[in-house]
PDB file of N, CA and C in Angstrom:
ATOM      1  N   MET A   1       4.372 -19.763 -57.671  1.00  0.00           N
ATOM      2  CA  MET A   1       5.006 -20.205 -56.757  1.00  0.00           C
ATOM      3  C   MET A   1       4.150 -21.810 -56.689  1.00  0.00           C
ATOM      4  N   ALA A   2       5.261 -22.535 -56.337  1.00  0.00           N
ATOM      5  CA  ALA A   2       4.390 -24.308 -56.179  1.00  0.00           C
ATOM      6  C   ALA A   2       3.594 -24.310 -55.220  1.00  0.00           C
ATOM      7  N   GLU A   3       2.797 -25.553 -55.240  1.00  0.00           N
ATOM      8  CA  GLU A   3       1.745 -25.770 -54.578  1.00  0.00           C
ATOM      9  C   GLU A   3       2.299 -25.961 -53.017  1.00  0.00           C
ATOM     10  N   HIS A   4       1.323 -25.723 -51.801  1.00  0.00           N
ATOM     11  CA  HIS A   4       1.804 -25.496 -50.927  1.00  0.00           C
ATOM     12  C   HIS A   4       0.594 -26.296 -50.049  1.00  0.00           C
ATOM     13  N   ASP A   5       0.667 -26.574 -48.945  1.00  0.00           N
ATOM     14  CA  ASP A   5       0.102 -26.943 -47.725  1.00  0.00           C
ATOM     15  C   ASP A   5      -0.414 -26.170 -46.535  1.00  0.00           C
ATOM     16  N   ASP A   6      -1.623 -25.258 -46.467  1.00  0.00           N
ATOM     17  CA  ASP A   6      -1.676 -24.031 -46.041  1.00  0.00           C
ATOM     18  C   ASP A   6      -3.228 -23.998 -45.215  1.00  0.00           C
ATOM     19  N   HIS A   7      -3.074 -24.866 -44.012  1.00  0.00           N
ATOM     20  CA  HIS A   7      -4.181 -25.219 -43.314  1.00  0.00           C
ATOM     21  C   HIS A   7      -3.938 -25.103 -41.861  1.00  0.00           C
ATOM     22  N   GLU A   8      -5.149 -25.242 -40.791  1.00  0.00           N
ATOM     23  CA  GLU A   8      -4.773 -25.338 -39.438  1.00  0.00           C
ATOM     24  C   GLU A   8      -3.504 -25.999 -38.502  1.00  0.00           C
ATOM     25  N   GLU A   9      -3.129 -27.309 -39.526  1.00  0.00           N
ATOM     26  CA  GLU A   9      -1.839 -27.881 -38.954  1.00  0.00           C
ATOM     27  C   GLU A   9      -0.598 -26.922 -39.049  1.00  0.00           C
ATOM     28  N   GLY A  10      -0.438 -25.663 -40.015  1.00  0.00           N
ATOM     29  CA  GLY A  10       0.528 -25.037 -40.173  1.00  0.00           C
ATOM     30  C   GLY A  10       0.973 -24.566 -41.381  1.00  0.00           C
ATOM     31  N   TYR A  11       1.972 -24.952 -41.809  1.00  0.00           N
ATOM     32  CA  TYR A  11       2.402 -24.257 -43.582  1.00  0.00           C
ATOM     33  C   TYR A  11       3.531 -25.122 -43.727  1.00  0.00           C
ATOM     34  N   THR A  12       3.778 -25.590 -45.062  1.00  0.00           N
ATOM     35  CA  THR A  12       4.357 -26.632 -45.503  1.00  0.00           C
ATOM     36  C   THR A  12       4.910 -26.145 -46.900  1.00  0.00           C
ATOM     37  N   GLY A  13       5.642 -25.633 -47.265  1.00  0.00           N
ATOM     38  CA  GLY A  13       5.654 -25.139 -48.762  1.00  0.00           C
ATOM     39  C   GLY A  13       6.824 -24.118 -49.039  1.00  0.00           C
ATOM     40  N   PRO A  14       6.850 -22.949 -50.403  1.00  0.00           N
ATOM     41  CA  PRO A  14       7.785 -22.196 -50.807  1.00  0.00           C
ATOM     42  C   PRO A  14       7.353 -21.136 -49.771  1.00  0.00           C
ATOM     43  N   ALA A  15       9.009 -20.226 -49.519  1.00  0.00           N
ATOM     44  CA  ALA A  15       8.797 -19.146 -48.906  1.00  0.00           C
ATOM     45  C   ALA A  15       9.880 -18.224 -49.416  1.00  0.00           C
ATOM     46  N   VAL A  16      10.171 -17.175 -48.797  1.00  0.00           N
ATOM     47  CA  VAL A  16      11.645 -16.362 -49.271  1.00  0.00           C
ATOM     48  C   VAL A  16      11.786 -15.784 -47.846  1.00  0.00           C
ATOM     49  N   LEU A  17      12.883 -16.114 -47.514  1.00  0.00           N
ATOM     50  CA  LEU A  17      13.916 -15.637 -46.276  1.00  0.00           C
ATOM     51  C   LEU A  17      14.674 -14.476 -46.637  1.00  0.00           C
ATOM     52  N   THR A  18      14.035 -13.380 -45.998  1.00  0.00           N
ATOM     53  CA  THR A  18      14.908 -12.000 -46.179  1.00  0.00           C
ATOM     54  C   THR A  18      16.028 -11.813 -45.144  1.00  0.00           C
ATOM     55  N   THR A  19      17.376 -11.946 -45.313  1.00  0.00           N
ATOM     56  CA  THR A  19      18.432 -11.824 -44.504  1.00  0.00           C
ATOM     57  C   THR A  19      18.617 -10.572 -43.577  1.00  0.00           C
ATOM     58  N   VAL A  20      19.583  -9.986 -42.917  1.00  0.00           N
ATOM     59  CA  VAL A  20      19.294  -9.148 -42.193  1.00  0.00           C
ATOM     60  C   VAL A  20      19.964  -7.792 -43.219  1.00  0.00           C
ATOM     61  N   GLU A  21      20.671  -8.188 -44.305  1.00  0.00           N
ATOM     62  CA  GLU A  21      21.874  -7.621 -45.544  1.00  0.00           C
ATOM     63  C   GLU A  21      20.863  -7.343 -46.334  1.00  0.00           C
ATOM     64  N   GLY A  22      19.570  -7.914 -46.562  1.00  0.00           N
ATOM     65  CA  GLY A  22      18.262  -7.554 -47.636  1.00  0.00           C
ATOM     66  C   GLY A  22      18.426  -8.458 -48.759  1.00  0.00           C
ATOM     67  N   ARG A  23      19.074  -9.740 -48.464  1.00  0.00           N
ATOM     68  CA  ARG A  23      19.026 -10.375 -49.420  1.00  0.00           C
ATOM     69  C   ARG A  23      17.788 -11.704 -49.684  1.00  0.00           C
ATOM     70  N   ASP A  24      17.157 -12.050 -50.918  1.00  0.00           N
ATOM     71  CA  ASP A  24      15.948 -12.841 -50.486  1.00  0.00           C
ATOM     72  C   ASP A  24      16.597 -13.729 -51.060  1.00  0.00           C
ATOM     73  N   LEU A  25      16.074 -14.865 -50.297  1.00  0.00           N
ATOM     74  CA  LEU A  25      16.681 -16.337 -50.631  1.00  0.00           C
ATOM     75  C   LEU A  25      15.487 -17.093 -50.524  1.00  0.00           C
ATOM     76  N   PRO A  26      15.174 -17.731 -51.501  1.00  0.00           N
ATOM     77  CA  PRO A  26      14.640 -18.820 -51.568  1.00  0.00           C
ATOM     78  C   PRO A  26      14.726 -20.129 -50.689  1.00  0.00           C
ATOM     79  N   VAL A  27      13.118 -20.599 -50.059  1.00  0.00           N
ATOM     80  CA  VAL A  27      13.443 -21.497 -48.682  1.00  0.00           C
ATOM     81  C   VAL A  27      12.336 -22.572 -49.319  1.00  0.00           C
ATOM     82  N   HIS A  28      12.295 -23.575 -48.404  1.00  0.00           N
ATOM     83  CA  HIS A  28      11.040 -24.561 -48.647  1.00  0.00           C
ATOM     84  C   HIS A  28      10.997 -24.569 -46.781  1.00  0.00           C
ATOM     85  N   ALA A  29       9.804 -24.299 -46.447  1.00  0.00           N
ATOM     86  CA  ALA A  29       9.424 -23.798 -44.970  1.00  0.00           C
ATOM     87  C   ALA A  29       8.608 -24.762 -44.798  1.00  0.00           C
ATOM     88  N   GLN A  30       8.445 -25.139 -43.378  1.00  0.00           N
ATOM     89  CA  GLN A  30       8.075 -26.231 -42.220  1.00  0.00           C
ATOM     90  C   GLN A  30       7.301 -25.508 -41.024  1.00  0.00           C
ATOM     91  N   LEU A  31       6.291 -24.767 -41.045  1.00  0.00           N
ATOM     92  CA  LEU A  31       5.899 -23.992 -39.980  1.00  0.00           C
ATOM     93  C   LEU A  31       4.728 -24.295 -39.180  1.00  0.00           C
ATOM     94  N   ASP A  32       4.554 -23.953 -38.314  1.00  0.00           N
ATOM     95  CA  ASP A  32       3.219 -23.865 -37.567  1.00  0.00           C
ATOM     96  C   ASP A  32       3.431 -22.803 -36.219  1.00  0.00           C
ATOM     97  N   ALA A  33       2.461 -22.957 -35.559  1.00  0.00           N
ATOM     98  CA  ALA A  33       2.060 -21.490 -34.808  1.00  0.00           C
ATOM     99  C   ALA A  33       1.205 -22.055 -33.741  1.00  0.00           C
ATOM    100  N   ARG A  34       1.381 -21.681 -31.927  1.00  0.00           N
ATOM    101  CA  ARG A  34       0.459 -21.705 -31.053  1.00  0.00           C
ATOM    102  C   ARG A  34       0.551 -21.028 -30.416  1.00  0.00           C
ATOM    103  N   HIS A  35      -1.149 -20.558 -29.428  1.00  0.00           N
ATOM    104  CA  HIS A  35      -1.381 -19.598 -28.889  1.00  0.00           C
ATOM    105  C   HIS A  35      -0.760 -20.025 -27.497  1.00  0.00           C
ATOM    106  N   GLU A  36       0.167 -19.178 -27.019  1.00  0.00           N
ATOM    107  CA  GLU A  36       0.948 -19.193 -25.750  1.00  0.00           C
ATOM    108  C   GLU A  36      -0.145 -18.807 -24.318  1.00  0.00           C
ATOM    109  N   PRO A  37      -0.639 -19.106 -23.724  1.00  0.00           N
ATOM    110  CA  PRO A  37      -1.925 -18.504 -22.490  1.00  0.00           C
ATOM    111  C   PRO A  37      -0.703 -17.980 -21.303  1.00  0.00           C
ATOM    112  N   HIS A  38       0.450 -18.181 -21.519  1.00  0.00           N
ATOM    113  CA  HIS A  38       1.096 -17.712 -20.473  1.00  0.00           C
ATOM    114  C   HIS A  38       1.646 -16.038 -20.761  1.00  0.00           C
ATOM    115  N   ASP A  39       1.616 -15.739 -22.061  1.00  0.00           N
ATOM    116  CA  ASP A  39       1.862 -14.600 -22.422  1.00  0.00           C
ATOM    117  C   ASP A  39       0.685 -13.784 -23.590  1.00  0.00           C
ATOM    118  N   GLY A  40      -0.548 -14.789 -23.652  1.00  0.00           N
ATOM    119  CA  GLY A  40      -1.542 -14.486 -24.617  1.00  0.00           C
ATOM    120  C   GLY A  40      -1.266 -13.841 -26.341  1.00  0.00           C
ATOM    121  N   ARG A  41      -0.025 -14.221 -26.609  1.00  0.00           N
ATOM    122  CA  ARG A  41       0.541 -14.049 -27.640  1.00  0.00           C
ATOM    123  C   ARG A  41       0.331 -15.646 -28.937  1.00  0.00           C
ATOM    124  N   VAL A  42       0.449 -15.262 -30.007  1.00  0.00           N
ATOM    125  CA  VAL A  42       0.847 -16.315 -30.901  1.00  0.00           C
ATOM    126  C   VAL A  42       2.247 -16.236 -30.779  1.00  0.00           C
ATOM    127  N   HIS A  43       2.632 -17.688 -30.643  1.00  0.00           N
ATOM    128  CA  HIS A  43       4.265 -17.850 -31.053  1.00  0.00           C
ATOM    129  C   HIS A  43       4.661 -18.699 -32.174  1.00  0.00           C
ATOM    130  N   TRP A  44       4.967 -18.516 -33.729  1.00  0.00           N
ATOM    131  CA  TRP A  44       5.232 -19.388 -34.892  1.00  0.00           C
ATOM    132  C   TRP A  44       6.534 -19.534 -34.903  1.00  0.00           C
ATOM    133  N   PHE A  45       6.941 -21.051 -35.409  1.00  0.00           N
ATOM    134  CA  PHE A  45       8.040 -21.978 -35.308  1.00  0.00           C
ATOM    135  C   PHE A  45       8.316 -22.881 -36.233  1.00  0.00           C
ATOM    136  N   GLY A  46       9.247 -23.161 -36.641  1.00  0.00           N
ATOM    137  CA  GLY A  46       9.800 -24.245 -37.717  1.00  0.00           C
ATOM    138  C   GLY A  46      10.850 -23.902 -38.155  1.00  0.00           C
ATOM    139  N   ARG A  47      11.133 -24.923 -39.477  1.00  0.00           N
ATOM    140  CA  ARG A  47      12.262 -25.143 -40.139  1.00  0.00           C
ATOM    141  C   ARG A  47      12.176 -24.731 -41.454  1.00  0.00           C
ATOM    142  N   VAL A  48      13.271 -24.148 -41.784  1.00  0.00           N
ATOM    143  CA  VAL A  48      13.424 -23.718 -43.520  1.00  0.00           C
ATOM    144  C   VAL A  48      14.634 -24.216 -44.089  1.00  0.00           C
ATOM    145  N   ARG A  49      14.664 -24.302 -45.335  1.00  0.00           N
ATOM    146  CA  ARG A  49      15.744 -25.238 -45.854  1.00  0.00           C
ATOM    147  C   ARG A  49      16.188 -24.307 -47.286  1.00  0.00           C
ATOM    148  N   ILE A  50      17.334 -23.666 -47.183  1.00  0.00           N
ATOM    149  CA  ILE A  50      17.685 -22.442 -48.140  1.00  0.00           C
ATOM    150  C   ILE A  50      18.323 -23.631 -49.384  1.00  0.00           C
ATOM    151  N   ALA A  51      17.626 -22.728 -50.542  1.00  0.00           N
ATOM    152  CA  ALA A  51      17.643 -23.482 -51.925  1.00  0.00           C
ATOM    153  C   ALA A  51      18.956 -23.493 -51.849  1.00  0.00           C
ATOM    154  N   GLU A  52      19.318 -25.041 -52.668  1.00  0.00           N
ATOM    155  CA  GLU A  52      21.031 -25.295 -53.110  1.00  0.00           C
ATOM    156  C   GLU A  52      21.737 -23.845 -53.905  1.00  0.00           C
ATOM    157  N   GLY A  53      23.035 -23.645 -53.476  1.00  0.00           N
ATOM    158  CA  GLY A  53      23.962 -22.640 -53.992  1.00  0.00           C
ATOM    159  C   GLY A  53      23.542 -21.446 -53.441  1.00  0.00           C
ATOM    160  N   HIS A  54      23.117 -21.599 -52.320  1.00  0.00           N
ATOM    161  CA  HIS A  54      22.970 -20.341 -51.504  1.00  0.00           C
ATOM    162  C   HIS A  54      23.944 -20.269 -50.295  1.00  0.00           C
ATOM    163  N   PRO A  55      24.377 -19.170 -49.648  1.00  0.00           N
ATOM    164  CA  PRO A  55      25.502 -19.518 -48.788  1.00  0.00           C
ATOM    165  C   PRO A  55      24.499 -19.453 -47.457  1.00  0.00           C
ATOM    166  N   ASP A  56      25.535 -19.938 -46.393  1.00  0.00           N
ATOM    167  CA  ASP A  56      24.937 -20.020 -45.188  1.00  0.00           C
ATOM    168  C   ASP A  56      24.199 -18.947 -44.550  1.00  0.00           C
ATOM    169  N   VAL A  57      23.050 -18.809 -43.819  1.00  0.00           N
ATOM    170  CA  VAL A  57      22.345 -17.852 -43.145  1.00  0.00           C
ATOM    171  C   VAL A  57      22.993 -17.536 -41.795  1.00  0.00           C
ATOM    172  N   PRO A  58      23.647 -16.113 -41.466  1.00  0.00           N
ATOM    173  CA  PRO A  58      23.821 -16.176 -40.275  1.00  0.00           C
ATOM    174  C   PRO A  58      22.922 -16.044 -38.903  1.00  0.00           C
ATOM    175  N   SER A  59      22.955 -16.289 -37.876  1.00  0.00           N
ATOM    176  CA  SER A  59      21.509 -16.439 -36.728  1.00  0.00           C
ATOM    177  C   SER A  59      21.210 -14.805 -36.710  1.00  0.00           C
ATOM    178  N   GLY A  60      19.948 -14.586 -36.747  1.00  0.00           N
ATOM    179  CA  GLY A  60      19.609 -13.007 -36.007  1.00  0.00           C
ATOM    180  C   GLY A  60      18.240 -13.111 -36.856  1.00  0.00           C
ATOM    181  N   THR A  61      17.761 -11.565 -37.070  1.00  0.00           N
ATOM    182  CA  THR A  61      16.428 -11.486 -37.538  1.00  0.00           C
ATOM    183  C   THR A  61      16.686 -11.298 -39.045  1.00  0.00           C
ATOM    184  N   VAL A  62      15.168 -12.153 -39.080  1.00  0.00           N
ATOM    185  CA  VAL A  62      15.044 -12.450 -40.548  1.00  0.00           C
ATOM    186  C   VAL A  62      13.689 -11.888 -40.794  1.00  0.00           C
ATOM    187  N   GLY A  63      13.304 -11.772 -42.347  1.00  0.00           N
ATOM    188  CA  GLY A  63      11.824 -11.831 -42.558  1.00  0.00           C
ATOM    189  C   GLY A  63      11.534 -12.878 -43.332  1.00  0.00           C
ATOM    190  N   LEU A  64      10.256 -13.465 -43.221  1.00  0.00           N
ATOM    191  CA  LEU A  64       9.811 -14.592 -43.837  1.00  0.00           C
ATOM    192  C   LEU A  64       8.789 -14.490 -44.667  1.00  0.00           C
ATOM    193  N   ARG A  65       8.601 -14.590 -46.106  1.00  0.00           N
ATOM    194  CA  ARG A  65       7.245 -14.683 -46.449  1.00  0.00           C
ATOM    195  C   ARG A  65       6.764 -15.297 -47.440  1.00  0.00           C
ATOM    196  N   THR A  66       5.262 -15.526 -47.272  1.00  0.00           N
ATOM    197  CA  THR A  66       5.124 -16.843 -48.044  1.00  0.00           C
ATOM    198  C   THR A  66       3.704 -15.991 -49.325  1.00  0.00           C
ATOM    199  N   ASP A  67       3.010 -17.151 -49.830  1.00  0.00           N
ATOM    200  CA  ASP A  67       1.634 -16.049 -50.407  1.00  0.00           C
ATOM    201  C   ASP A  67       1.062 -15.729 -49.962  1.00  0.00           C
ATOM    202  N   SER A  68       0.832 -16.140 -48.566  1.00  0.00           N
ATOM    203  CA  SER A  68      -0.535 -15.784 -47.610  1.00  0.00           C
ATOM    204  C   SER A  68       0.179 -14.571 -46.478  1.00  0.00           C
ATOM    205  N   GLY A  69       1.365 -14.233 -46.335  1.00  0.00           N
ATOM    206  CA  GLY A  69       1.813 -13.533 -45.236  1.00  0.00           C
ATOM    207  C   GLY A  69       3.055 -13.209 -45.245  1.00  0.00           C
ATOM    208  N   SER A  70       3.691 -12.435 -44.117  1.00  0.00           N
ATOM    209  CA  SER A  70       5.200 -12.404 -43.986  1.00  0.00           C
ATOM    210  C   SER A  70       4.880 -11.785 -42.466  1.00  0.00           C
ATOM    211  N   ALA A  71       6.393 -12.246 -41.926  1.00  0.00           N
ATOM    212  CA  ALA A  71       6.252 -11.700 -40.843  1.00  0.00           C
ATOM    213  C   ALA A  71       8.334 -11.548 -40.400  1.00  0.00           C
ATOM    214  N   GLU A  72       8.478 -10.926 -39.424  1.00  0.00           N
ATOM    215  CA  GLU A  72       9.827 -10.632 -38.833  1.00  0.00           C
ATOM    216  C   GLU A  72      10.209 -11.749 -37.795  1.00  0.00           C
ATOM    217  N   GLY A  73      11.222 -12.266 -37.791  1.00  0.00           N
ATOM    218  CA  GLY A  73      11.560 -13.885 -36.598  1.00  0.00           C
ATOM    219  C   GLY A  73      13.017 -13.622 -36.670  1.00  0.00           C
ATOM    220  N   ARG A  74      13.263 -14.834 -35.741  1.00  0.00           N
ATOM    221  CA  ARG A  74      14.734 -15.019 -35.727  1.00  0.00           C
ATOM    222  C   ARG A  74      14.882 -16.268 -36.291  1.00  0.00           C
ATOM    223  N   ILE A  75      16.398 -16.474 -36.980  1.00  0.00           N
ATOM    224  CA  ILE A  75      17.070 -17.711 -37.423  1.00  0.00           C
ATOM    225  C   ILE A  75      17.884 -18.002 -36.455  1.00  0.00           C
ATOM    226  N   GLY A  76      17.888 -19.687 -36.178  1.00  0.00           N
ATOM    227  CA  GLY A  76      18.737 -20.203 -35.316  1.00  0.00           C
ATOM    228  C   GLY A  76      19.627 -21.413 -35.591  1.00  0.00           C
ATOM    229  N   ASP A  77      19.629 -22.141 -35.197  1.00  0.00           N
ATOM    230  CA  ASP A  77      20.833 -23.224 -35.189  1.00  0.00           C
ATOM    231  C   ASP A  77      20.265 -24.098 -37.092  1.00  0.00           C
ATOM    232  N   VAL A  78      21.358 -24.951 -37.057  1.00  0.00           N
ATOM    233  CA  VAL A  78      20.962 -25.534 -38.319  1.00  0.00           C
ATOM    234  C   VAL A  78      21.024 -27.249 -37.397  1.00  0.00           C
ATOM    235  N   ASP A  79      20.237 -27.916 -38.122  1.00  0.00           N
ATOM    236  CA  ASP A  79      20.071 -29.205 -37.593  1.00  0.00           C
ATOM    237  C   ASP A  79      20.488 -30.164 -38.818  1.00  0.00           C
ATOM    238  N   PRO A  80      20.573 -31.260 -38.417  1.00  0.00           N
ATOM    239  CA  PRO A  80      21.848 -32.465 -39.186  1.00  0.00           C
ATOM    240  C   PRO A  80      21.340 -32.658 -40.933  1.00  0.00           C
ATOM    241  N   TRP A  81      20.194 -32.086 -41.368  1.00  0.00           N
ATOM    242  CA  TRP A  81      19.530 -32.265 -42.124  1.00  0.00           C
ATOM    243  C   TRP A  81      19.852 -30.702 -43.366  1.00  0.00           C
ATOM    244  N   GLY A  82      20.364 -29.853 -42.552  1.00  0.00           N
ATOM    245  CA  GLY A  82      20.939 -28.903 -43.588  1.00  0.00           C
ATOM    246  C   GLY A  82      19.448 -27.489 -43.177  1.00  0.00           C
ATOM    247  N   ARG A  83      18.393 -28.068 -41.991  1.00  0.00           N
ATOM    248  CA  ARG A  83      17.555 -26.772 -41.972  1.00  0.00           C
ATOM    249  C   ARG A  83      17.459 -26.006 -40.964  1.00  0.00           C
ATOM    250  N   TYR A  84      17.530 -24.659 -41.015  1.00  0.00           N
ATOM    251  CA  TYR A  84      17.450 -23.735 -40.073  1.00  0.00           C
ATOM    252  C   TYR A  84      16.257 -23.781 -39.359  1.00  0.00           C
ATOM    253  N   ARG A  85      16.523 -23.313 -38.154  1.00  0.00           N
ATOM    254  CA  ARG A  85      15.208 -23.347 -37.123  1.00  0.00           C
ATOM    255  C   ARG A  85      15.107 -21.574 -37.384  1.00  0.00           C
ATOM    256  N   VAL A  86      13.831 -21.120 -37.238  1.00  0.00           N
ATOM    257  CA  VAL A  86      13.171 -20.214 -37.348  1.00  0.00           C
ATOM    258  C   VAL A  86      11.820 -19.998 -36.512  1.00  0.00           C
ATOM    259  N   THR A  87      11.837 -18.701 -35.671  1.00  0.00           N
ATOM    260  CA  THR A  87      10.948 -18.439 -35.071  1.00  0.00           C
ATOM    261  C   THR A  87      10.240 -17.206 -34.590  1.00  0.00           C
ATOM    262  N   GLY A  88       9.358 -17.042 -34.453  1.00  0.00           N
ATOM    263  CA  GLY A  88       8.905 -15.471 -34.350  1.00  0.00           C
ATOM    264  C   GLY A  88       7.360 -15.748 -32.790  1.00  0.00           C
ATOM    265  N   VAL A  89       6.928 -14.361 -33.053  1.00  0.00           N
ATOM    266  CA  VAL A  89       5.763 -13.949 -31.727  1.00  0.00           C
ATOM    267  C   VAL A  89       5.049 -13.139 -32.733  1.00  0.00           C
ATOM    268  N   GLY A  90       3.741 -13.326 -32.523  1.00  0.00           N
ATOM    269  CA  GLY A  90       2.901 -12.512 -33.554  1.00  0.00           C
ATOM    270  C   GLY A  90       2.119 -13.049 -34.440  1.00  0.00           C
ATOM    271  N   THR A  91       2.100 -12.213 -35.557  1.00  0.00           N
ATOM    272  CA  THR A  91       1.197 -13.102 -36.376  1.00  0.00           C
ATOM    273  C   THR A  91       2.221 -13.591 -37.584  1.00  0.00           C
ATOM    274  N   PRO A  92       1.973 -14.950 -37.908  1.00  0.00           N
ATOM    275  CA  PRO A  92       2.950 -15.656 -38.637  1.00  0.00           C
ATOM    276  C   PRO A  92       2.994 -15.605 -39.920  1.00  0.00           C
ATOM    277  N   PRO A  93       4.260 -16.080 -40.745  1.00  0.00           N
ATOM    278  CA  PRO A  93       3.921 -15.454 -41.891  1.00  0.00           C
ATOM    279  C   PRO A  93       3.286 -16.229 -43.071  1.00  0.00           C
ATOM    280  N   PHE A  94       1.974 -16.912 -42.353  1.00  0.00           N
ATOM    281  CA  PHE A  94       1.464 -17.886 -43.348  1.00  0.00           C
ATOM    282  C   PHE A  94      -0.151 -17.459 -42.647  1.00  0.00           C
ATOM    283  N   ARG A  95      -1.234 -18.171 -43.174  1.00  0.00           N
ATOM    284  CA  ARG A  95      -2.723 -17.656 -42.895  1.00  0.00           C
ATOM    285  C   ARG A  95      -3.163 -18.643 -42.064  1.00  0.00           C
ATOM    286  N   ILE A  96      -3.223 -18.311 -40.926  1.00  0.00           N
ATOM    287  CA  ILE A  96      -4.045 -19.096 -39.640  1.00  0.00           C
ATOM    288  C   ILE A  96      -5.827 -18.832 -39.424  1.00  0.00           C
ATOM    289  N   ASP A  97      -6.387 -19.776 -39.267  1.00  0.00           N
ATOM    290  CA  ASP A  97      -7.687 -19.751 -38.915  1.00  0.00           C
ATOM    291  C   ASP A  97      -8.442 -19.482 -37.892  1.00  0.00           C
ATOM    292  N   GLU A  98      -8.972 -18.389 -37.610  1.00  0.00           N
ATOM    293  CA  GLU A  98      -9.322 -17.985 -36.369  1.00  0.00           C
ATOM    294  C   GLU A  98     -10.141 -19.188 -35.539  1.00  0.00           C
ATOM    295  N   PRO A  99      -9.668 -19.303 -34.216  1.00  0.00           N
ATOM    296  CA  PRO A  99     -10.481 -19.878 -33.488  1.00  0.00           C
ATOM    297  C   PRO A  99     -11.946 -20.229 -33.451  1.00  0.00           C
ATOM    298  N   ASP A 100     -12.762 -21.406 -33.072  1.00  0.00           N
ATOM    299  CA  ASP A 100     -14.238 -21.364 -33.175  1.00  0.00           C
ATOM    300  C   ASP A 100     -14.305 -21.257 -31.700  1.00  0.00           C
ATOM    301  N   LEU A 101     -15.275 -20.059 -31.768  1.00  0.00           N
ATOM    302  CA  LEU A 101     -15.551 -19.619 -29.761  1.00  0.00           C
ATOM    303  C   LEU A 101     -16.930 -19.830 -29.638  1.00  0.00           C
ATOM    304  N   ASP A 102     -17.585 -20.410 -30.503  1.00  0.00           N
ATOM    305  CA  ASP A 102     -19.016 -21.018 -30.152  1.00  0.00           C
ATOM    306  C   ASP A 102     -19.033 -22.280 -29.260  1.00  0.00           C
ATOM    307  N   ASP A 103     -19.934 -21.712 -28.239  1.00  0.00           N
ATOM    308  CA  ASP A 103     -20.079 -22.818 -27.436  1.00  0.00           C
ATOM    309  C   ASP A 103     -21.308 -24.093 -27.835  1.00  0.00           C
ATOM    310  N   ASP A 104     -21.728 -23.421 -29.217  1.00  0.00           N
ATOM    311  CA  ASP A 104     -23.086 -24.439 -29.431  1.00  0.00           C
ATOM    312  C   ASP A 104     -22.595 -26.381 -29.706  1.00  0.00           C
TER     313      ASP A 104
END
């Protein structure tokens, strides 16, 4: 796979979106994650661009896989640039660094 940007600011790079029908579609993903104190869980979110020549993806549950992880999420609206919104709760489909809890 091509180079990607995987760091504390999220993930930007290649990924594979698995539709509810089980189709694997190559995508370019721009993702981030935040710990939400109101429920104590990690919420991840972002946009994916489906590779040219692939059909539209219906909203619903999808899988998203990068070189450093995979997760189940929901795909939603399409923005004016053709990118789909994707969201999930729990471990994101990319590596995140553990928070520094030292008081030093």
